[in-house]
Amino acid sequence: MKNVIGWRKKNWLLPSLLLLAGCARFVAIDDPVLKPFASMYAVDRDRYGMTPLPKQAKVSIRTYSSSEATNRGYDAAVDIYQKAHHHVAFRLEGGIYKWVGEQEQCWGPREYHSVDGILKEVLTVNYFQKVQHHKDGLDIEYRGPDESLAWHQVPVSKAKELLKQWGCT
């Protein structure tokens, strides 16, 4: 045990540098560093059953190397952490980050049993445009104890109702 503690005391610098040099950076939602991603504010989220972007939230920005971007289908992502979690994807086109899709997840109050254990019900709203590994267009899924919604495409009106009921709006 002493060796492990000693290693942690001596080797704090490398993990700290990796954290600082890593691909993720956390900022406030109103930070000017988000200006290159302004196209995310022009999206009609209501049309897709998504909630508006929050006025206050913790945000991480990730940019990807050329090979990672090719594999993912986008060059950067902005993750917005609030009651609802938004994962917003951007492709760099002509030096400008263009919104190419988004996934919003919100967790409800009920739990259910799955092969992975006991989980909270979740609504996932996806909208992507020509992004590798994602269905093109709108895809709304529910996972949870409500069998009338599970494993079916959820209508936008029902998604809005659940998001409001769960306090995600």
N, C-alpha and C. Protein backbone atom coordinates (compact mmCIF):
# COMPACT_ATOMS: atom_id res chain seq x y z
N MET A 1 0.83 -1.19 0.00
CA MET A 1 0.00 0.00 0.00
C MET A 1 0.86 1.25 0.00
N LYS A 2 1.99 1.19 0.71
CA LYS A 2 2.89 2.33 0.80
C LYS A 2 3.44 2.70 -0.58
N ASN A 3 3.77 1.71 -1.40
CA ASN A 3 4.29 1.98 -2.75
C ASN A 3 3.26 2.66 -3.63
N VAL A 4 2.01 2.25 -3.53
CA VAL A 4 0.95 2.87 -4.32
C VAL A 4 0.80 4.33 -3.92
N ILE A 5 0.76 4.61 -2.64
CA ILE A 5 0.62 5.99 -2.17
C ILE A 5 1.83 6.80 -2.60
N GLY A 6 3.02 6.24 -2.46
CA GLY A 6 4.23 6.93 -2.90
C GLY A 6 4.19 7.23 -4.39
N TRP A 7 3.72 6.29 -5.19
CA TRP A 7 3.62 6.50 -6.63
C TRP A 7 2.67 7.65 -6.93
N ARG A 8 1.54 7.68 -6.23
CA ARG A 8 0.56 8.75 -6.45
C ARG A 8 1.15 10.11 -6.12
N LYS A 9 1.92 10.18 -5.02
CA LYS A 9 2.51 11.46 -4.63
C LYS A 9 3.55 11.91 -5.64
N LYS A 10 4.36 10.99 -6.16
CA LYS A 10 5.44 11.34 -7.07
C LYS A 10 4.94 11.57 -8.50
N ASN A 11 3.89 10.88 -8.88
CA ASN A 11 3.46 10.91 -10.28
C ASN A 11 2.16 11.69 -10.50
N TRP A 12 1.99 12.77 -9.84
CA TRP A 12 0.80 13.61 -10.02
C TRP A 12 0.93 14.48 -11.26
N LEU A 13 2.15 14.76 -11.68
CA LEU A 13 2.37 15.70 -12.77
C LEU A 13 1.85 15.17 -14.10
N LEU A 14 2.16 13.93 -14.44
CA LEU A 14 1.75 13.39 -15.74
C LEU A 14 0.22 13.39 -15.90
N PRO A 15 -0.55 12.84 -14.95
CA PRO A 15 -2.01 12.90 -15.11
C PRO A 15 -2.54 14.33 -15.19
N SER A 16 -1.94 15.23 -14.44
CA SER A 16 -2.37 16.63 -14.47
C SER A 16 -2.12 17.24 -15.84
N LEU A 17 -0.95 16.97 -16.41
CA LEU A 17 -0.64 17.48 -17.74
C LEU A 17 -1.56 16.88 -18.79
N LEU A 18 -1.84 15.59 -18.67
CA LEU A 18 -2.75 14.95 -19.62
C LEU A 18 -4.14 15.56 -19.53
N LEU A 19 -4.57 15.88 -18.33
CA LEU A 19 -5.88 16.50 -18.16
C LEU A 19 -5.89 17.88 -18.82
N LEU A 20 -4.85 18.65 -18.60
CA LEU A 20 -4.77 19.99 -19.18
C LEU A 20 -4.63 19.96 -20.69
N ALA A 21 -3.92 18.95 -21.21
CA ALA A 21 -3.66 18.87 -22.64
C ALA A 21 -4.69 18.03 -23.37
N GLY A 22 -5.64 17.46 -22.64
CA GLY A 22 -6.62 16.55 -23.23
C GLY A 22 -7.57 17.24 -24.18
N CYS A 23 -8.44 16.46 -24.75
CA CYS A 23 -9.37 16.95 -25.74
C CYS A 23 -10.59 17.65 -25.13
N ALA A 24 -10.86 17.43 -23.87
CA ALA A 24 -12.05 18.02 -23.26
C ALA A 24 -11.69 19.27 -22.47
N ARG A 25 -12.55 20.26 -22.58
CA ARG A 25 -12.38 21.50 -21.83
C ARG A 25 -13.74 21.89 -21.29
N PHE A 26 -13.83 22.20 -20.00
CA PHE A 26 -15.10 22.57 -19.39
C PHE A 26 -15.19 24.08 -19.25
N VAL A 27 -16.34 24.62 -19.66
CA VAL A 27 -16.59 26.07 -19.57
C VAL A 27 -18.05 26.28 -19.20
N ALA A 28 -18.40 27.54 -18.92
CA ALA A 28 -19.80 27.90 -18.67
C ALA A 28 -20.49 28.09 -20.03
N ILE A 29 -21.80 27.94 -20.06
CA ILE A 29 -22.55 28.02 -21.32
C ILE A 29 -22.44 29.40 -21.98
N ASP A 30 -22.17 30.44 -21.18
CA ASP A 30 -22.06 31.78 -21.76
C ASP A 30 -20.61 32.18 -22.04
N ASP A 31 -19.68 31.25 -21.98
CA ASP A 31 -18.27 31.53 -22.23
C ASP A 31 -18.06 31.87 -23.71
N PRO A 32 -17.31 32.94 -24.00
CA PRO A 32 -17.06 33.32 -25.39
C PRO A 32 -16.36 32.23 -26.23
N VAL A 33 -15.74 31.28 -25.58
CA VAL A 33 -15.06 30.20 -26.32
C VAL A 33 -16.07 29.36 -27.12
N LEU A 34 -17.36 29.46 -26.80
CA LEU A 34 -18.39 28.72 -27.54
C LEU A 34 -18.83 29.43 -28.83
N LYS A 35 -18.32 30.63 -29.07
CA LYS A 35 -18.73 31.40 -30.25
C LYS A 35 -18.57 30.63 -31.56
N PRO A 36 -17.51 29.85 -31.76
CA PRO A 36 -17.40 29.09 -33.02
C PRO A 36 -18.52 28.06 -33.22
N PHE A 37 -19.23 27.72 -32.15
CA PHE A 37 -20.28 26.71 -32.21
C PHE A 37 -21.68 27.36 -32.20
N ALA A 38 -21.76 28.61 -32.62
CA ALA A 38 -23.00 29.38 -32.57
C ALA A 38 -24.12 28.75 -33.38
N SER A 39 -23.80 27.90 -34.36
CA SER A 39 -24.85 27.28 -35.17
C SER A 39 -25.80 26.42 -34.34
N MET A 40 -25.35 26.00 -33.14
CA MET A 40 -26.23 25.18 -32.29
C MET A 40 -27.41 25.99 -31.75
N TYR A 41 -27.28 27.32 -31.73
CA TYR A 41 -28.37 28.16 -31.23
C TYR A 41 -29.44 28.42 -32.29
N ALA A 42 -29.13 28.13 -33.55
CA ALA A 42 -30.06 28.37 -34.64
C ALA A 42 -30.98 27.18 -34.91
N VAL A 43 -30.77 26.08 -34.22
CA VAL A 43 -31.55 24.86 -34.45
C VAL A 43 -32.94 24.98 -33.83
N ASP A 44 -33.95 24.55 -34.56
CA ASP A 44 -35.32 24.54 -34.06
C ASP A 44 -35.53 23.25 -33.27
N ARG A 45 -35.07 23.24 -32.02
CA ARG A 45 -35.14 22.05 -31.18
C ARG A 45 -36.58 21.61 -30.91
N ASP A 46 -37.47 22.56 -30.79
CA ASP A 46 -38.87 22.24 -30.52
C ASP A 46 -39.44 21.33 -31.61
N ARG A 47 -39.05 21.58 -32.83
CA ARG A 47 -39.49 20.77 -33.98
C ARG A 47 -39.13 19.30 -33.81
N TYR A 48 -37.99 19.04 -33.17
CA TYR A 48 -37.50 17.67 -32.99
C TYR A 48 -37.87 17.08 -31.63
N GLY A 49 -38.59 17.85 -30.81
CA GLY A 49 -38.98 17.37 -29.49
C GLY A 49 -37.91 17.58 -28.44
N MET A 50 -36.89 18.36 -28.78
CA MET A 50 -35.81 18.63 -27.82
C MET A 50 -36.13 19.87 -26.99
N THR A 51 -35.48 19.96 -25.84
CA THR A 51 -35.64 21.13 -24.98
C THR A 51 -34.70 22.23 -25.46
N PRO A 52 -35.00 23.48 -25.10
CA PRO A 52 -34.07 24.58 -25.43
C PRO A 52 -32.76 24.37 -24.69
N LEU A 53 -31.69 24.93 -25.24
CA LEU A 53 -30.42 24.88 -24.52
C LEU A 53 -30.55 25.72 -23.26
N PRO A 54 -30.01 25.24 -22.14
CA PRO A 54 -30.16 25.98 -20.88
C PRO A 54 -29.36 27.28 -20.88
N LYS A 55 -29.80 28.21 -20.06
CA LYS A 55 -29.10 29.50 -19.92
C LYS A 55 -27.85 29.35 -19.06
N GLN A 56 -27.89 28.40 -18.11
CA GLN A 56 -26.75 28.13 -17.25
C GLN A 56 -26.49 26.63 -17.26
N ALA A 57 -25.25 26.27 -17.51
CA ALA A 57 -24.90 24.85 -17.52
C ALA A 57 -23.39 24.71 -17.57
N LYS A 58 -22.94 23.53 -17.24
CA LYS A 58 -21.54 23.18 -17.40
C LYS A 58 -21.39 22.59 -18.81
N VAL A 59 -20.37 22.99 -19.51
CA VAL A 59 -20.19 22.59 -20.90
C VAL A 59 -18.78 22.06 -21.12
N SER A 60 -18.68 20.98 -21.87
CA SER A 60 -17.35 20.52 -22.29
C SER A 60 -17.28 20.60 -23.80
N ILE A 61 -16.10 20.94 -24.27
CA ILE A 61 -15.84 21.05 -25.71
C ILE A 61 -14.79 20.02 -26.05
N ARG A 62 -15.08 19.23 -27.09
CA ARG A 62 -14.11 18.24 -27.54
C ARG A 62 -13.85 18.45 -29.02
N THR A 63 -12.60 18.51 -29.38
CA THR A 63 -12.22 18.53 -30.79
C THR A 63 -11.47 17.24 -31.07
N TYR A 64 -11.61 16.74 -32.27
CA TYR A 64 -11.06 15.44 -32.60
C TYR A 64 -9.98 15.56 -33.67
N SER A 65 -9.02 14.66 -33.60
CA SER A 65 -7.98 14.60 -34.61
C SER A 65 -8.63 14.19 -35.93
N SER A 66 -7.90 14.33 -37.00
CA SER A 66 -8.42 14.01 -38.32
C SER A 66 -8.94 12.57 -38.40
N SER A 67 -8.17 11.61 -37.87
CA SER A 67 -8.60 10.21 -37.94
C SER A 67 -9.82 9.95 -37.04
N GLU A 68 -9.85 10.57 -35.86
CA GLU A 68 -11.01 10.42 -34.98
C GLU A 68 -12.25 11.04 -35.61
N ALA A 69 -12.07 12.22 -36.21
CA ALA A 69 -13.20 12.91 -36.86
C ALA A 69 -13.75 12.07 -38.01
N THR A 70 -12.87 11.46 -38.77
CA THR A 70 -13.31 10.60 -39.87
C THR A 70 -14.10 9.42 -39.33
N ASN A 71 -13.64 8.83 -38.26
CA ASN A 71 -14.33 7.69 -37.65
C ASN A 71 -15.68 8.09 -37.05
N ARG A 72 -15.75 9.25 -36.42
CA ARG A 72 -16.98 9.70 -35.77
C ARG A 72 -17.97 10.31 -36.76
N GLY A 73 -17.45 10.94 -37.79
CA GLY A 73 -18.33 11.64 -38.74
C GLY A 73 -18.51 13.11 -38.40
N TYR A 74 -17.79 13.60 -37.39
CA TYR A 74 -17.82 15.01 -37.05
C TYR A 74 -16.50 15.40 -36.39
N ASP A 75 -16.20 16.70 -36.42
CA ASP A 75 -14.90 17.21 -35.97
C ASP A 75 -14.86 17.69 -34.53
N ALA A 76 -16.01 18.05 -33.99
CA ALA A 76 -16.04 18.58 -32.62
C ALA A 76 -17.40 18.26 -32.00
N ALA A 77 -17.41 18.26 -30.67
CA ALA A 77 -18.66 18.04 -29.93
C ALA A 77 -18.70 18.97 -28.74
N VAL A 78 -19.88 19.44 -28.47
CA VAL A 78 -20.14 20.25 -27.28
C VAL A 78 -21.13 19.45 -26.43
N ASP A 79 -20.74 19.14 -25.21
CA ASP A 79 -21.62 18.44 -24.28
C ASP A 79 -22.11 19.44 -23.24
N ILE A 80 -23.42 19.51 -23.10
CA ILE A 80 -24.04 20.47 -22.18
C ILE A 80 -24.72 19.67 -21.08
N TYR A 81 -24.25 19.91 -19.86
CA TYR A 81 -24.72 19.14 -18.70
C TYR A 81 -25.69 19.97 -17.87
N GLN A 82 -26.92 19.54 -17.85
CA GLN A 82 -27.98 20.13 -17.05
C GLN A 82 -28.90 18.97 -16.72
N LYS A 83 -30.12 19.19 -16.35
CA LYS A 83 -31.05 18.07 -16.11
C LYS A 83 -31.12 17.19 -17.36
N ALA A 84 -31.21 17.82 -18.52
CA ALA A 84 -31.10 17.12 -19.79
C ALA A 84 -29.66 17.26 -20.26
N HIS A 85 -29.12 16.20 -20.84
CA HIS A 85 -27.75 16.23 -21.34
C HIS A 85 -27.80 16.31 -22.86
N HIS A 86 -27.17 17.35 -23.41
CA HIS A 86 -27.11 17.54 -24.87
C HIS A 86 -25.71 17.19 -25.35
N HIS A 87 -25.63 16.35 -26.35
CA HIS A 87 -24.36 16.04 -27.04
C HIS A 87 -24.54 16.59 -28.46
N VAL A 88 -23.85 17.70 -28.76
CA VAL A 88 -24.04 18.41 -30.01
C VAL A 88 -22.81 18.19 -30.90
N ALA A 89 -23.06 17.74 -32.13
CA ALA A 89 -21.97 17.40 -33.05
C ALA A 89 -21.80 18.48 -34.12
N PHE A 90 -20.53 18.74 -34.47
CA PHE A 90 -20.20 19.77 -35.47
C PHE A 90 -19.19 19.22 -36.47
N ARG A 91 -19.38 19.61 -37.72
CA ARG A 91 -18.40 19.29 -38.76
C ARG A 91 -17.77 20.61 -39.19
N LEU A 92 -16.46 20.59 -39.34
CA LEU A 92 -15.73 21.78 -39.76
C LEU A 92 -15.80 21.88 -41.28
N GLU A 93 -16.48 22.91 -41.77
CA GLU A 93 -16.65 23.11 -43.21
C GLU A 93 -16.23 24.53 -43.56
N GLY A 94 -15.20 24.66 -44.36
CA GLY A 94 -14.72 25.98 -44.74
C GLY A 94 -14.27 26.81 -43.56
N GLY A 95 -13.72 26.15 -42.55
CA GLY A 95 -13.22 26.84 -41.37
C GLY A 95 -14.31 27.22 -40.36
N ILE A 96 -15.55 26.79 -40.61
CA ILE A 96 -16.67 27.11 -39.73
C ILE A 96 -17.28 25.82 -39.20
N TYR A 97 -17.57 25.79 -37.89
CA TYR A 97 -18.21 24.62 -37.30
C TYR A 97 -19.70 24.65 -37.61
N LYS A 98 -20.17 23.64 -38.32
CA LYS A 98 -21.58 23.53 -38.71
C LYS A 98 -22.25 22.44 -37.88
N TRP A 99 -23.40 22.75 -37.30
CA TRP A 99 -24.18 21.78 -36.53
C TRP A 99 -24.63 20.67 -37.47
N VAL A 100 -24.33 19.42 -37.11
CA VAL A 100 -24.73 18.29 -37.95
C VAL A 100 -25.61 17.30 -37.19
N GLY A 101 -25.83 17.58 -35.92
CA GLY A 101 -26.71 16.69 -35.17
C GLY A 101 -26.57 16.86 -33.68
N GLU A 102 -27.50 16.19 -33.01
CA GLU A 102 -27.54 16.32 -31.55
C GLU A 102 -28.26 15.13 -30.93
N GLN A 103 -27.81 14.78 -29.75
CA GLN A 103 -28.50 13.79 -28.94
C GLN A 103 -28.81 14.45 -27.61
N GLU A 104 -30.07 14.34 -27.22
CA GLU A 104 -30.48 14.84 -25.91
C GLU A 104 -31.01 13.67 -25.10
N GLN A 105 -30.54 13.56 -23.87
CA GLN A 105 -31.02 12.52 -22.97
C GLN A 105 -31.52 13.16 -21.68
N CYS A 106 -32.64 12.61 -21.20
CA CYS A 106 -33.19 13.05 -19.93
C CYS A 106 -33.68 11.81 -19.18
N TRP A 107 -33.36 11.77 -17.91
CA TRP A 107 -33.71 10.62 -17.08
C TRP A 107 -34.95 10.93 -16.25
N GLY A 108 -35.86 9.98 -16.24
CA GLY A 108 -37.10 10.11 -15.49
C GLY A 108 -36.96 9.56 -14.08
N PRO A 109 -38.06 9.60 -13.32
CA PRO A 109 -38.00 9.22 -11.91
C PRO A 109 -38.06 7.70 -11.65
N ARG A 110 -38.62 6.95 -12.59
CA ARG A 110 -38.84 5.53 -12.33
C ARG A 110 -37.61 4.69 -12.69
N GLU A 111 -37.53 3.54 -12.04
CA GLU A 111 -36.44 2.59 -12.31
C GLU A 111 -37.01 1.34 -12.96
N TYR A 112 -36.11 0.61 -13.64
CA TYR A 112 -36.51 -0.66 -14.22
C TYR A 112 -35.32 -1.61 -14.18
N HIS A 113 -35.62 -2.88 -14.28
CA HIS A 113 -34.58 -3.92 -14.27
C HIS A 113 -34.19 -4.24 -15.71
N SER A 114 -32.88 -4.30 -15.93
CA SER A 114 -32.38 -4.69 -17.24
C SER A 114 -31.22 -5.67 -17.04
N VAL A 115 -30.67 -6.17 -18.11
CA VAL A 115 -29.52 -7.07 -18.00
C VAL A 115 -28.31 -6.36 -17.41
N ASP A 116 -28.33 -5.02 -17.45
CA ASP A 116 -27.23 -4.22 -16.89
C ASP A 116 -27.49 -3.81 -15.44
N GLY A 117 -28.59 -4.27 -14.87
CA GLY A 117 -28.91 -3.93 -13.48
C GLY A 117 -30.15 -3.06 -13.41
N ILE A 118 -30.27 -2.32 -12.32
CA ILE A 118 -31.41 -1.42 -12.13
C ILE A 118 -31.03 -0.05 -12.69
N LEU A 119 -31.83 0.43 -13.64
CA LEU A 119 -31.54 1.69 -14.32
C LEU A 119 -32.72 2.64 -14.20
N LYS A 120 -32.45 3.93 -14.38
CA LYS A 120 -33.50 4.94 -14.44
C LYS A 120 -34.07 4.95 -15.86
N GLU A 121 -35.36 5.22 -15.96
CA GLU A 121 -35.95 5.36 -17.29
C GLU A 121 -35.28 6.55 -17.98
N VAL A 122 -35.19 6.48 -19.31
CA VAL A 122 -34.50 7.53 -20.05
C VAL A 122 -35.18 7.75 -21.40
N LEU A 123 -35.25 9.02 -21.78
CA LEU A 123 -35.73 9.38 -23.10
C LEU A 123 -34.53 9.93 -23.87
N THR A 124 -34.32 9.41 -25.06
CA THR A 124 -33.21 9.86 -25.90
C THR A 124 -33.77 10.38 -27.21
N VAL A 125 -33.47 11.64 -27.50
CA VAL A 125 -33.89 12.26 -28.74
C VAL A 125 -32.64 12.48 -29.58
N ASN A 126 -32.62 11.87 -30.76
CA ASN A 126 -31.48 12.00 -31.68
C ASN A 126 -31.93 12.66 -32.96
N TYR A 127 -31.13 13.59 -33.44
CA TYR A 127 -31.32 14.11 -34.79
C TYR A 127 -29.93 14.34 -35.36
N PHE A 128 -29.62 13.62 -36.42
CA PHE A 128 -28.32 13.75 -37.08
C PHE A 128 -28.51 13.83 -38.58
N GLN A 129 -27.58 14.53 -39.24
CA GLN A 129 -27.59 14.67 -40.70
C GLN A 129 -26.28 14.12 -41.25
N LYS A 130 -26.35 12.97 -41.88
CA LYS A 130 -25.20 12.34 -42.53
C LYS A 130 -23.99 12.23 -41.59
N VAL A 131 -24.23 11.67 -40.40
CA VAL A 131 -23.18 11.45 -39.42
C VAL A 131 -23.02 9.94 -39.25
N GLN A 132 -21.81 9.50 -39.50
CA GLN A 132 -21.49 8.08 -39.40
C GLN A 132 -21.94 7.50 -38.06
N HIS A 133 -22.44 6.28 -38.07
CA HIS A 133 -22.87 5.54 -36.88
C HIS A 133 -24.16 6.08 -36.26
N HIS A 134 -24.83 7.01 -36.93
CA HIS A 134 -26.10 7.55 -36.43
C HIS A 134 -27.14 7.46 -37.54
N LYS A 135 -28.35 7.16 -37.14
CA LYS A 135 -29.46 7.14 -38.08
C LYS A 135 -29.70 8.56 -38.58
N ASP A 136 -29.90 8.72 -39.88
CA ASP A 136 -30.22 10.04 -40.42
C ASP A 136 -31.63 10.44 -40.02
N GLY A 137 -31.78 11.68 -39.61
CA GLY A 137 -33.08 12.20 -39.25
C GLY A 137 -33.40 12.00 -37.78
N LEU A 138 -34.67 12.12 -37.48
CA LEU A 138 -35.15 12.08 -36.11
C LEU A 138 -35.36 10.66 -35.61
N ASP A 139 -34.90 10.40 -34.40
CA ASP A 139 -35.06 9.09 -33.77
C ASP A 139 -35.26 9.33 -32.27
N ILE A 140 -36.44 9.00 -31.75
CA ILE A 140 -36.74 9.22 -30.33
C ILE A 140 -37.02 7.86 -29.70
N GLU A 141 -36.25 7.56 -28.65
CA GLU A 141 -36.37 6.26 -27.99
C GLU A 141 -36.60 6.44 -26.49
N TYR A 142 -37.34 5.52 -25.93
CA TYR A 142 -37.58 5.46 -24.49
C TYR A 142 -37.10 4.10 -24.00
N ARG A 143 -36.41 4.11 -22.86
CA ARG A 143 -36.05 2.86 -22.17
C ARG A 143 -36.54 3.00 -20.74
N GLY A 144 -37.35 2.05 -20.32
CA GLY A 144 -37.88 2.11 -18.97
C GLY A 144 -39.03 1.17 -18.77
N PRO A 145 -39.76 1.35 -17.65
CA PRO A 145 -40.81 0.41 -17.28
C PRO A 145 -42.11 0.55 -18.08
N ASP A 146 -42.30 1.66 -18.79
CA ASP A 146 -43.52 1.86 -19.56
C ASP A 146 -43.43 1.08 -20.87
N GLU A 147 -44.03 -0.10 -20.88
CA GLU A 147 -43.92 -0.98 -22.04
C GLU A 147 -44.62 -0.43 -23.28
N SER A 148 -45.55 0.50 -23.10
CA SER A 148 -46.22 1.08 -24.27
C SER A 148 -45.28 2.00 -25.05
N LEU A 149 -44.21 2.44 -24.41
CA LEU A 149 -43.23 3.32 -25.07
C LEU A 149 -41.93 2.62 -25.41
N ALA A 150 -41.57 1.61 -24.63
CA ALA A 150 -40.27 0.94 -24.80
C ALA A 150 -40.21 0.22 -26.15
N TRP A 151 -39.07 0.36 -26.79
CA TRP A 151 -38.75 -0.33 -28.05
C TRP A 151 -39.62 0.12 -29.22
N HIS A 152 -40.24 1.29 -29.09
CA HIS A 152 -41.02 1.86 -30.18
C HIS A 152 -40.49 3.27 -30.46
N GLN A 153 -40.77 3.78 -31.64
CA GLN A 153 -40.46 5.16 -31.96
C GLN A 153 -41.44 6.04 -31.17
N VAL A 154 -40.93 6.96 -30.37
CA VAL A 154 -41.78 7.82 -29.54
C VAL A 154 -42.14 9.07 -30.35
N PRO A 155 -43.43 9.42 -30.41
CA PRO A 155 -43.84 10.63 -31.13
C PRO A 155 -43.28 11.89 -30.46
N VAL A 156 -43.05 12.93 -31.25
CA VAL A 156 -42.53 14.20 -30.74
C VAL A 156 -43.42 14.73 -29.63
N SER A 157 -44.73 14.67 -29.79
CA SER A 157 -45.65 15.21 -28.77
C SER A 157 -45.47 14.47 -27.44
N LYS A 158 -45.28 13.17 -27.47
CA LYS A 158 -45.07 12.39 -26.24
C LYS A 158 -43.71 12.71 -25.64
N ALA A 159 -42.70 12.89 -26.48
CA ALA A 159 -41.36 13.25 -25.98
C ALA A 159 -41.42 14.58 -25.24
N LYS A 160 -42.09 15.56 -25.83
CA LYS A 160 -42.23 16.87 -25.17
C LYS A 160 -42.94 16.74 -23.83
N GLU A 161 -43.98 15.92 -23.81
CA GLU A 161 -44.75 15.71 -22.58
C GLU A 161 -43.86 15.10 -21.49
N LEU A 162 -43.09 14.08 -21.82
CA LEU A 162 -42.21 13.44 -20.84
C LEU A 162 -41.12 14.40 -20.36
N LEU A 163 -40.50 15.13 -21.28
CA LEU A 163 -39.44 16.06 -20.91
C LEU A 163 -39.95 17.12 -19.94
N LYS A 164 -41.16 17.59 -20.19
CA LYS A 164 -41.77 18.58 -19.29
C LYS A 164 -42.10 17.95 -17.94
N GLN A 165 -42.72 16.77 -17.98
CA GLN A 165 -43.09 16.06 -16.75
C GLN A 165 -41.86 15.75 -15.89
N TRP A 166 -40.75 15.41 -16.51
CA TRP A 166 -39.54 15.05 -15.78
C TRP A 166 -38.70 16.27 -15.38
N GLY A 167 -39.13 17.48 -15.75
CA GLY A 167 -38.42 18.69 -15.35
C GLY A 167 -37.19 18.98 -16.18
N CYS A 168 -37.18 18.51 -17.42
CA CYS A 168 -35.99 18.71 -18.27
C CYS A 168 -36.09 19.97 -19.12
N THR A 169 -37.26 20.61 -19.13
CA THR A 169 -37.42 21.79 -19.98
C THR A 169 -37.03 23.05 -19.26
